[in-house]
Structure formats: structure tokens, C-alpha cells
């Protein structure tokens, strides 16, 4: 057991640490807002657009870092894009200047969003292949490649999210029903539920097929034939 003096010291240390953390995070949030506003400027220099996009990734990541790391990231300005005259980070407007297409910002936001795998260490090859294309794109000079990779990932991620939500709902339905069933049908329903769980980490086509295969399977009553066909479809 801690003595009262030790408890007071611990409380005081934490209070000071937490106050510093909150102040640093307020400054990080302000800096994030500035970076976001600057990136919306059409005439921002390309090198500064990339700088502020990278800065956003670092700032977002710093929320989970120590106070010291937060402080270092906050006070690490870019010599060419920060602490300089505002006009120096923008393209001088001319009648012949066309705004260059730049997909780096959007790609970096996606990579920042998925910097930590939300499903832990489980293998998810379909997703990994798609995200790897974005890593290749961000290191490429070809704007068309960037555009295509970003569009393909967004479409995939949108479809994946919809199907994963549907799979989670279907699994929940099975979990509610299984305790009310008797063997051997109960065992079949458990097997179907496991197959739906595996589909969460499979291709979008497999997710779709799993949902279709179990679409009319809810209970054992009068569904033995449907359960049989569903299990066959899921193991193909």
C-alpha cells in the first residue's frame, strides 16, 4: 500500500503530466488545422503540399506518443514551408499556370488511417495487396498510377466496409439463434458461423458469396436442406 505522501506525489506528477499533455495536444490540433487549410489552397507549392501532408501524418501519430515526442514534432518546422513569408509557399499566378494534379495528400491520409491494422496480426491478404499498391503509388512519379491506385482502393474499401458490416450482423444473428437449437443441426449452424467469421478476412467476392449462401438460413426448423447447401457453397 502506498503511504499518503507517496500518493500525493503520484497524483501531483500525473496532474502536471496531464496538463502538459492537454496543452501540447491543443497545439497539435491547431497545427493540424493550419496544415489542412493550406492544403486546400490550389496554388500551394507541390513540395509544400507534400510537406504538410507528411506533417499531418506525424501530428496525428503524435497523439499516442509521449509528451517529449509531441514537443519534438511540434517544434520541427520545415525550413522551406514553415516560418517563411507566406507568399514564398505559393505558386505565383500566371495566365499559363495550370494546377497540377496531386494525389499524394489523399493517399497519405489513407495510409495514416490504416497505419495500425484494426484487426491485429490476422492475415488479410486481399486488403494488404490493395494497401501495398498505395505504398507503390506514393513513391511513384506517375500521376495516372497514383490516380488509379487511389480510386481502386477507395472502391475496394467502400465495398469491404459494407460487406464486413453485413457479415458482422449475420454472425450476430447466428450467435443469438445457436443456443436455442439442438444437435446435430446446432453443430452445422456453429460451422456456418465460423465460415462467416473467416470470410471477414477474405476477398470481397468471398464475403459476398458467404452472405448469399447463408441468406435464408436462420434456424434449423425446416431449413436442413438450406443449411446443407449453404455449407457446400462456403466450402467450395
Protein backbone atom coordinates (compact mmCIF):
# COMPACT_ATOMS: atom_id res chain seq x y z
CA UNK A 1 0.00 0.00 0.00
CA UNK A 2 1.21 3.49 -0.82
CA UNK A 3 1.71 5.95 2.01
CA UNK A 4 -0.32 9.16 1.82
CA UNK A 5 2.77 11.24 0.90
CA UNK A 6 3.59 8.86 -1.97
CA UNK A 7 0.01 9.02 -3.21
CA UNK A 8 0.14 12.81 -3.19
CA UNK A 9 3.40 12.75 -5.17
CA UNK A 10 1.96 10.34 -7.72
CA UNK A 11 -1.19 12.43 -8.09
CA UNK A 12 0.83 15.64 -8.43
CA UNK A 13 3.17 14.12 -11.04
CA UNK A 14 0.24 12.81 -13.07
CA UNK A 15 -1.65 16.11 -12.83
CA UNK A 16 1.35 18.06 -14.14
CA UNK A 17 1.97 15.50 -16.89
CA UNK A 18 -1.68 15.56 -17.93
CA UNK A 19 -1.83 19.36 -18.04
CA UNK A 20 1.24 19.42 -20.29
CA UNK A 21 -0.28 16.69 -22.48
CA UNK A 22 -3.53 18.60 -22.92
CA UNK A 23 -1.69 21.81 -23.81
CA UNK A 24 0.53 20.03 -26.33
CA UNK A 25 -2.47 18.31 -27.92
CA UNK A 26 -4.24 21.67 -28.26
CA UNK A 27 -1.19 22.98 -30.11
CA UNK A 28 -1.08 19.84 -32.28
CA UNK A 29 -4.75 20.30 -33.17
CA UNK A 30 -4.14 23.94 -34.12
CA UNK A 31 -1.21 22.94 -36.31
CA UNK A 32 -3.31 20.23 -37.96
CA UNK A 33 -5.98 22.79 -38.83
CA UNK A 34 -3.37 25.08 -40.40
CA UNK A 35 -1.94 22.20 -42.46
CA UNK A 36 -5.42 21.19 -43.65
CA UNK A 37 -6.33 24.75 -44.66
CA UNK A 38 -3.06 25.24 -46.54
CA UNK A 39 -3.54 22.02 -48.49
CA UNK A 40 -6.89 23.31 -49.72
CA UNK A 41 -5.09 26.22 -51.39
CA UNK A 42 -4.91 25.49 -55.10
CA UNK A 43 -1.68 27.43 -55.64
CA UNK A 44 0.31 25.83 -52.80
CA UNK A 45 3.78 24.74 -53.97
CA UNK A 46 3.89 20.95 -54.68
CA UNK A 47 6.83 20.42 -52.31
CA UNK A 48 4.91 22.22 -49.54
CA UNK A 49 1.78 20.21 -50.28
CA UNK A 50 3.77 17.01 -49.72
CA UNK A 51 5.44 18.53 -46.63
CA UNK A 52 2.13 19.43 -44.98
CA UNK A 53 0.63 16.04 -45.90
CA UNK A 54 3.58 14.29 -44.22
CA UNK A 55 3.29 16.69 -41.29
CA UNK A 56 -0.36 15.72 -40.86
CA UNK A 57 0.60 12.04 -40.62
CA UNK A 58 3.23 12.85 -37.97
CA UNK A 59 0.90 15.10 -35.98
CA UNK A 60 -1.93 12.56 -35.98
CA UNK A 61 0.51 9.84 -34.88
CA UNK A 62 1.86 12.05 -32.08
CA UNK A 63 -1.43 11.87 -30.15
CA UNK A 64 -0.36 8.41 -28.96
CA UNK A 65 3.25 9.45 -28.26
CA UNK A 66 4.91 10.74 -25.09
CA UNK A 67 4.89 14.43 -24.20
CA UNK A 68 8.54 14.67 -25.25
CA UNK A 69 7.78 13.24 -28.70
CA UNK A 70 4.79 15.58 -29.04
CA UNK A 71 7.07 18.52 -28.25
CA UNK A 72 9.72 17.41 -30.76
CA UNK A 73 7.16 17.02 -33.55
CA UNK A 74 5.61 20.41 -32.78
CA UNK A 75 8.97 22.17 -32.92
CA UNK A 76 10.34 20.56 -36.06
CA UNK A 77 9.49 23.15 -38.74
CA UNK A 78 10.22 22.76 -42.44
CA UNK A 79 12.76 25.42 -43.45
CA UNK A 80 11.17 25.92 -46.87
CA UNK A 81 7.46 25.75 -45.99
CA UNK A 82 7.20 27.00 -42.39
CA UNK A 83 8.46 30.13 -40.66
CA UNK A 84 8.87 31.83 -44.05
CA UNK A 85 6.99 34.64 -45.77
CA UNK A 86 3.57 33.37 -46.80
CA UNK A 87 3.97 34.26 -50.49
CA UNK A 88 7.04 32.00 -50.72
CA UNK A 89 4.99 28.82 -50.34
CA UNK A 90 2.55 29.60 -53.15
CA UNK A 91 2.87 29.43 -56.93
CA UNK A 92 2.97 32.87 -58.50
CA UNK A 93 -0.22 33.08 -60.59
CA UNK A 94 0.25 33.45 -64.34
CA UNK A 95 -2.11 33.06 -67.24
CA UNK A 96 -0.34 29.87 -68.37
CA UNK A 97 -0.08 28.18 -64.97
CA UNK A 98 -2.32 25.14 -64.65
CA UNK A 99 -2.96 23.49 -61.30
CA UNK A 100 -1.07 20.18 -61.29
CA UNK A 101 -2.96 17.06 -60.27
CA UNK A 102 -1.69 15.83 -56.91
CA UNK A 103 -2.96 12.68 -55.23
CA UNK A 104 -0.25 12.42 -52.55
CA UNK A 105 -2.36 14.11 -49.87
CA UNK A 106 -5.28 11.69 -50.22
CA UNK A 107 -3.00 8.66 -50.40
CA UNK A 108 -1.11 9.74 -47.28
CA UNK A 109 -4.40 10.20 -45.41
CA UNK A 110 -5.40 6.63 -46.28
CA UNK A 111 -2.01 5.29 -45.18
CA UNK A 112 -2.26 7.28 -41.94
CA UNK A 113 -5.74 5.88 -41.30
CA UNK A 114 -4.51 2.30 -41.69
CA UNK A 115 -1.04 2.73 -40.14
CA UNK A 116 -2.20 0.30 -37.44
CA UNK A 117 -4.06 -2.78 -38.64
CA UNK A 118 -7.51 -2.67 -36.98
CA UNK A 119 -7.68 -6.48 -37.00
CA UNK A 120 -4.32 -7.00 -35.27
CA UNK A 121 -1.96 -9.68 -36.60
CA UNK A 122 -4.54 -11.68 -38.54
CA UNK A 123 -3.71 -12.33 -42.19
CA UNK A 124 -5.81 -10.27 -44.60
CA UNK A 125 -4.04 -10.75 -47.93
CA UNK A 126 -6.70 -9.10 -50.10
CA UNK A 127 -6.54 -5.87 -48.08
CA UNK A 128 -2.73 -5.99 -47.83
CA UNK A 129 -2.41 -6.25 -51.61
CA UNK A 130 -4.60 -3.19 -52.10
CA UNK A 131 -2.81 -1.08 -49.48
CA UNK A 132 0.56 -2.13 -50.93
CA UNK A 133 -0.44 -0.57 -54.26
CA UNK A 134 -0.85 2.75 -52.43
CA UNK A 135 2.67 2.43 -50.98
CA UNK A 136 3.94 1.89 -54.52
CA UNK A 137 1.90 4.84 -55.78
CA UNK A 138 3.18 7.31 -53.18
CA UNK A 139 6.74 6.51 -54.28
CA UNK A 140 5.92 6.79 -57.98
CA UNK A 141 6.23 9.85 -60.18
CA UNK A 142 3.35 8.76 -62.42
CA UNK A 143 0.22 10.75 -61.59
CA UNK A 144 -2.03 8.36 -63.52
CA UNK A 145 -0.75 5.44 -61.44
CA UNK A 146 -1.47 7.41 -58.26
CA UNK A 147 -4.96 8.29 -59.51
CA UNK A 148 -5.82 4.70 -60.47
CA UNK A 149 -4.40 3.20 -57.26
CA UNK A 150 -6.32 5.66 -55.08
CA UNK A 151 -9.60 5.15 -56.96
CA UNK A 152 -9.22 1.36 -56.84
CA UNK A 153 -8.53 1.35 -53.10
CA UNK A 154 -11.42 3.69 -52.27
CA UNK A 155 -13.84 1.49 -54.24
CA UNK A 156 -12.46 -1.66 -52.60
CA UNK A 157 -12.52 -0.15 -49.10
CA UNK A 158 -16.09 1.07 -49.51
CA UNK A 159 -17.27 -2.37 -50.68
CA UNK A 160 -15.26 -4.11 -47.93
CA UNK A 161 -16.77 -1.93 -45.19
CA UNK A 162 -20.34 -2.59 -46.39
CA UNK A 163 -19.77 -6.36 -46.64
CA UNK A 164 -17.97 -6.55 -43.27
CA UNK A 165 -20.87 -4.77 -41.59
CA UNK A 166 -23.32 -7.22 -43.18
CA UNK A 167 -21.17 -10.19 -42.13
CA UNK A 168 -20.96 -8.93 -38.54
CA UNK A 169 -24.75 -8.57 -38.45
CA UNK A 170 -25.24 -12.09 -39.87
CA UNK A 171 -22.80 -13.58 -37.34
CA UNK A 172 -24.68 -11.85 -34.50
CA UNK A 173 -27.94 -13.40 -35.74
CA UNK A 174 -26.37 -16.86 -35.68
CA UNK A 175 -24.96 -16.31 -32.18
CA UNK A 176 -28.43 -15.46 -30.88
CA UNK A 177 -30.05 -18.49 -32.51
CA UNK A 178 -27.45 -21.22 -31.86
CA UNK A 179 -28.19 -21.63 -28.08
CA UNK A 180 -31.83 -22.36 -28.96
CA UNK A 181 -31.01 -25.24 -31.33
CA UNK A 182 -30.26 -28.91 -30.69
CA UNK A 183 -27.64 -31.21 -32.19
CA UNK A 184 -26.83 -32.15 -34.89
CA UNK A 185 -28.26 -29.04 -36.56
CA UNK A 186 -26.75 -26.81 -33.88
CA UNK A 187 -23.28 -28.04 -34.89
CA UNK A 188 -24.00 -27.13 -38.51
CA UNK A 189 -25.02 -23.60 -37.53
CA UNK A 190 -21.83 -23.20 -35.49
CA UNK A 191 -19.82 -24.29 -38.52
CA UNK A 192 -21.61 -21.76 -40.73
CA UNK A 193 -20.92 -19.01 -38.20
CA UNK A 194 -17.21 -19.87 -38.23
CA UNK A 195 -17.16 -19.75 -42.03
CA UNK A 196 -18.72 -16.28 -41.90
CA UNK A 197 -16.01 -15.22 -39.46
CA UNK A 198 -13.29 -16.45 -41.83
CA UNK A 199 -14.92 -14.54 -44.68
CA UNK A 200 -14.29 -11.30 -42.76
CA UNK A 201 -10.61 -11.68 -43.75
CA UNK A 202 -11.16 -12.97 -47.28
CA UNK A 203 -11.76 -11.32 -50.64
CA UNK A 204 -14.82 -9.16 -51.25
CA UNK A 205 -16.11 -11.85 -53.60
CA UNK A 206 -15.84 -14.48 -50.86
CA UNK A 207 -17.59 -12.13 -48.41
CA UNK A 208 -20.42 -11.66 -50.91
CA UNK A 209 -20.67 -15.41 -51.61
CA UNK A 210 -20.81 -16.18 -47.88
CA UNK A 211 -23.66 -13.73 -47.35
CA UNK A 212 -25.58 -15.14 -50.31
CA UNK A 213 -25.03 -18.74 -49.17
CA UNK A 214 -26.46 -18.03 -45.69
CA UNK A 215 -29.11 -15.55 -46.78
CA UNK A 216 -32.10 -17.75 -45.94
CA UNK A 217 -30.56 -19.79 -43.11
CA UNK A 218 -31.75 -18.58 -39.71
CA UNK A 219 -32.95 -21.61 -37.73
CA UNK A 220 -32.82 -25.38 -38.00
CA UNK A 221 -36.59 -25.73 -38.28
CA UNK A 222 -37.46 -26.66 -41.89
CA UNK A 223 -34.04 -25.44 -43.02
CA UNK A 224 -31.96 -28.62 -43.09
CA UNK A 225 -31.77 -28.58 -46.90
CA UNK A 226 -30.81 -24.88 -46.97
CA UNK A 227 -28.14 -25.45 -44.31
CA UNK A 228 -26.72 -28.36 -46.33
CA UNK A 229 -26.44 -26.24 -49.48
CA UNK A 230 -25.01 -23.29 -47.55
CA UNK A 231 -22.22 -25.44 -46.09
CA UNK A 232 -21.42 -26.82 -49.54
CA UNK A 233 -21.27 -23.31 -51.05
CA UNK A 234 -18.98 -22.00 -48.31
CA UNK A 235 -16.50 -24.86 -48.65
CA UNK A 236 -16.15 -24.60 -52.44
